[in-house]
Amino acid sequence: RKRLERGVDPAVMHHQALLGSTAIVVARVDEHGGRVKIGGELWSARTSDGHAAIEPGTRVTVLSISGATAVVVAQD
């Protein structure tokens, strides 16, 4: 086990570092999909269940990452 763990970097993985960050909607986001810009990178995105569609230009918060899709909610 020591040999396996020796090469593991304890730093936060890239997608985990994005949780709680602010993103900007670049293509309308709803429960089926959309696009956001997170730290200069474009990501596929969707709203969390039960949330209304979010229009381009709106700031959102990243709640989680599901595969290669950011689950977001609009900021107040």
C-alpha atoms as a PDB file:
ATOM      1  CA  ARG A   1       0.000   0.000   0.000  1.00  0.00           C
ATOM      2  CA  LYS A   2       2.834   2.413   0.766  1.00  0.00           C
ATOM      3  CA  ARG A   3       4.182   1.991  -2.760  1.00  0.00           C
ATOM      4  CA  LEU A   4       0.769   2.792  -4.241  1.00  0.00           C
ATOM      5  CA  GLU A   5       0.200   5.893  -2.123  1.00  0.00           C
ATOM      6  CA  ARG A   6       3.721   7.241  -2.604  1.00  0.00           C
ATOM      7  CA  GLY A   7       2.895   8.591  -6.083  1.00  0.00           C
ATOM      8  CA  VAL A   8      -0.481  10.090  -5.133  1.00  0.00           C
ATOM      9  CA  ASP A   9      -0.534  13.864  -4.893  1.00  0.00           C
ATOM     10  CA  PRO A  10      -2.725  14.907  -1.942  1.00  0.00           C
ATOM     11  CA  ALA A  11      -3.594  18.202  -3.677  1.00  0.00           C
ATOM     12  CA  VAL A  12      -7.229  18.771  -4.624  1.00  0.00           C
ATOM     13  CA  MET A  13      -8.150  17.335  -8.016  1.00  0.00           C
ATOM     14  CA  HIS A  14      -8.982  19.916 -10.718  1.00  0.00           C
ATOM     15  CA  HIS A  15     -12.736  19.321 -10.764  1.00  0.00           C
ATOM     16  CA  GLN A  16     -12.962  19.377  -6.959  1.00  0.00           C
ATOM     17  CA  ALA A  17     -11.218  22.749  -6.903  1.00  0.00           C
ATOM     18  CA  LEU A  18     -14.077  24.172  -9.018  1.00  0.00           C
ATOM     19  CA  LEU A  19     -16.795  23.446  -6.447  1.00  0.00           C
ATOM     20  CA  GLY A  20     -18.226  26.692  -5.094  1.00  0.00           C
ATOM     21  CA  SER A  21     -16.553  28.799  -7.775  1.00  0.00           C
ATOM     22  CA  THR A  22     -18.280  31.466  -9.844  1.00  0.00           C
ATOM     23  CA  ALA A  23     -18.950  30.937 -13.547  1.00  0.00           C
ATOM     24  CA  ILE A  24     -20.571  33.017 -16.302  1.00  0.00           C
ATOM     25  CA  VAL A  25     -23.328  31.574 -18.490  1.00  0.00           C
ATOM     26  CA  VAL A  26     -22.394  31.817 -22.185  1.00  0.00           C
ATOM     27  CA  ALA A  27     -25.272  29.736 -23.613  1.00  0.00           C
ATOM     28  CA  ARG A  28     -28.658  29.395 -21.872  1.00  0.00           C
ATOM     29  CA  VAL A  29     -28.477  26.769 -19.116  1.00  0.00           C
ATOM     30  CA  ASP A  30     -31.467  24.644 -18.134  1.00  0.00           C
ATOM     31  CA  GLU A  31     -31.983  21.149 -16.733  1.00  0.00           C
ATOM     32  CA  HIS A  32     -31.037  19.639 -20.098  1.00  0.00           C
ATOM     33  CA  GLY A  33     -27.823  21.540 -20.777  1.00  0.00           C
ATOM     34  CA  GLY A  34     -26.027  24.757 -21.647  1.00  0.00           C
ATOM     35  CA  ARG A  35     -22.516  26.271 -21.488  1.00  0.00           C
ATOM     36  CA  VAL A  36     -20.640  28.226 -18.828  1.00  0.00           C
ATOM     37  CA  LYS A  37     -17.165  29.721 -18.576  1.00  0.00           C
ATOM     38  CA  ILE A  38     -15.303  28.693 -15.436  1.00  0.00           C
ATOM     39  CA  GLY A  39     -11.924  30.336 -14.970  1.00  0.00           C
ATOM     40  CA  GLY A  40     -11.439  30.869 -18.697  1.00  0.00           C
ATOM     41  CA  GLU A  41     -12.523  27.336 -19.694  1.00  0.00           C
ATOM     42  CA  LEU A  42     -15.828  26.460 -21.372  1.00  0.00           C
ATOM     43  CA  TRP A  43     -17.825  23.718 -19.663  1.00  0.00           C
ATOM     44  CA  SER A  44     -21.091  21.961 -20.387  1.00  0.00           C
ATOM     45  CA  ALA A  45     -23.554  22.814 -17.651  1.00  0.00           C
ATOM     46  CA  ARG A  46     -27.037  22.149 -16.381  1.00  0.00           C
ATOM     47  CA  THR A  47     -29.143  23.520 -13.551  1.00  0.00           C
ATOM     48  CA  SER A  48     -29.787  21.491 -10.453  1.00  0.00           C
ATOM     49  CA  ASP A  49     -33.194  19.817 -10.369  1.00  0.00           C
ATOM     50  CA  GLY A  50     -36.152  22.176 -10.097  1.00  0.00           C
ATOM     51  CA  HIS A  51     -34.268  25.388 -10.906  1.00  0.00           C
ATOM     52  CA  ALA A  52     -35.348  27.709 -13.710  1.00  0.00           C
ATOM     53  CA  ALA A  53     -33.335  28.313 -16.881  1.00  0.00           C
ATOM     54  CA  ILE A  54     -30.447  30.766 -16.590  1.00  0.00           C
ATOM     55  CA  GLU A  55     -29.765  33.283 -19.358  1.00  0.00           C
ATOM     56  CA  PRO A  56     -26.368  34.259 -20.864  1.00  0.00           C
ATOM     57  CA  GLY A  57     -24.346  36.786 -18.870  1.00  0.00           C
ATOM     58  CA  THR A  58     -25.665  35.565 -15.506  1.00  0.00           C
ATOM     59  CA  ARG A  59     -23.202  34.681 -12.744  1.00  0.00           C
ATOM     60  CA  VAL A  60     -23.698  31.184 -11.349  1.00  0.00           C
ATOM     61  CA  THR A  61     -22.158  29.061  -8.589  1.00  0.00           C
ATOM     62  CA  VAL A  62     -20.825  25.580  -9.337  1.00  0.00           C
ATOM     63  CA  LEU A  63     -22.553  23.118  -6.991  1.00  0.00           C
ATOM     64  CA  SER A  64     -20.987  19.928  -8.317  1.00  0.00           C
ATOM     65  CA  ILE A  65     -19.352  18.308 -11.300  1.00  0.00           C
ATOM     66  CA  SER A  66     -21.154  15.352 -12.868  1.00  0.00           C
ATOM     67  CA  GLY A  67     -18.836  13.724 -15.402  1.00  0.00           C
ATOM     68  CA  ALA A  68     -17.788  16.627 -17.620  1.00  0.00           C
ATOM     69  CA  THR A  69     -20.854  18.731 -16.763  1.00  0.00           C
ATOM     70  CA  ALA A  70     -21.018  21.464 -14.140  1.00  0.00           C
ATOM     71  CA  VAL A  71     -24.219  21.561 -12.088  1.00  0.00           C
ATOM     72  CA  VAL A  72     -24.913  25.233 -11.361  1.00  0.00           C
ATOM     73  CA  VAL A  73     -27.339  27.576  -9.637  1.00  0.00           C
ATOM     74  CA  ALA A  74     -27.842  31.304 -10.300  1.00  0.00           C
ATOM     75  CA  GLN A  75     -26.313  33.749  -7.831  1.00  0.00           C
ATOM     76  CA  ASP A  76     -28.646  36.260  -6.182  1.00  0.00           C
END
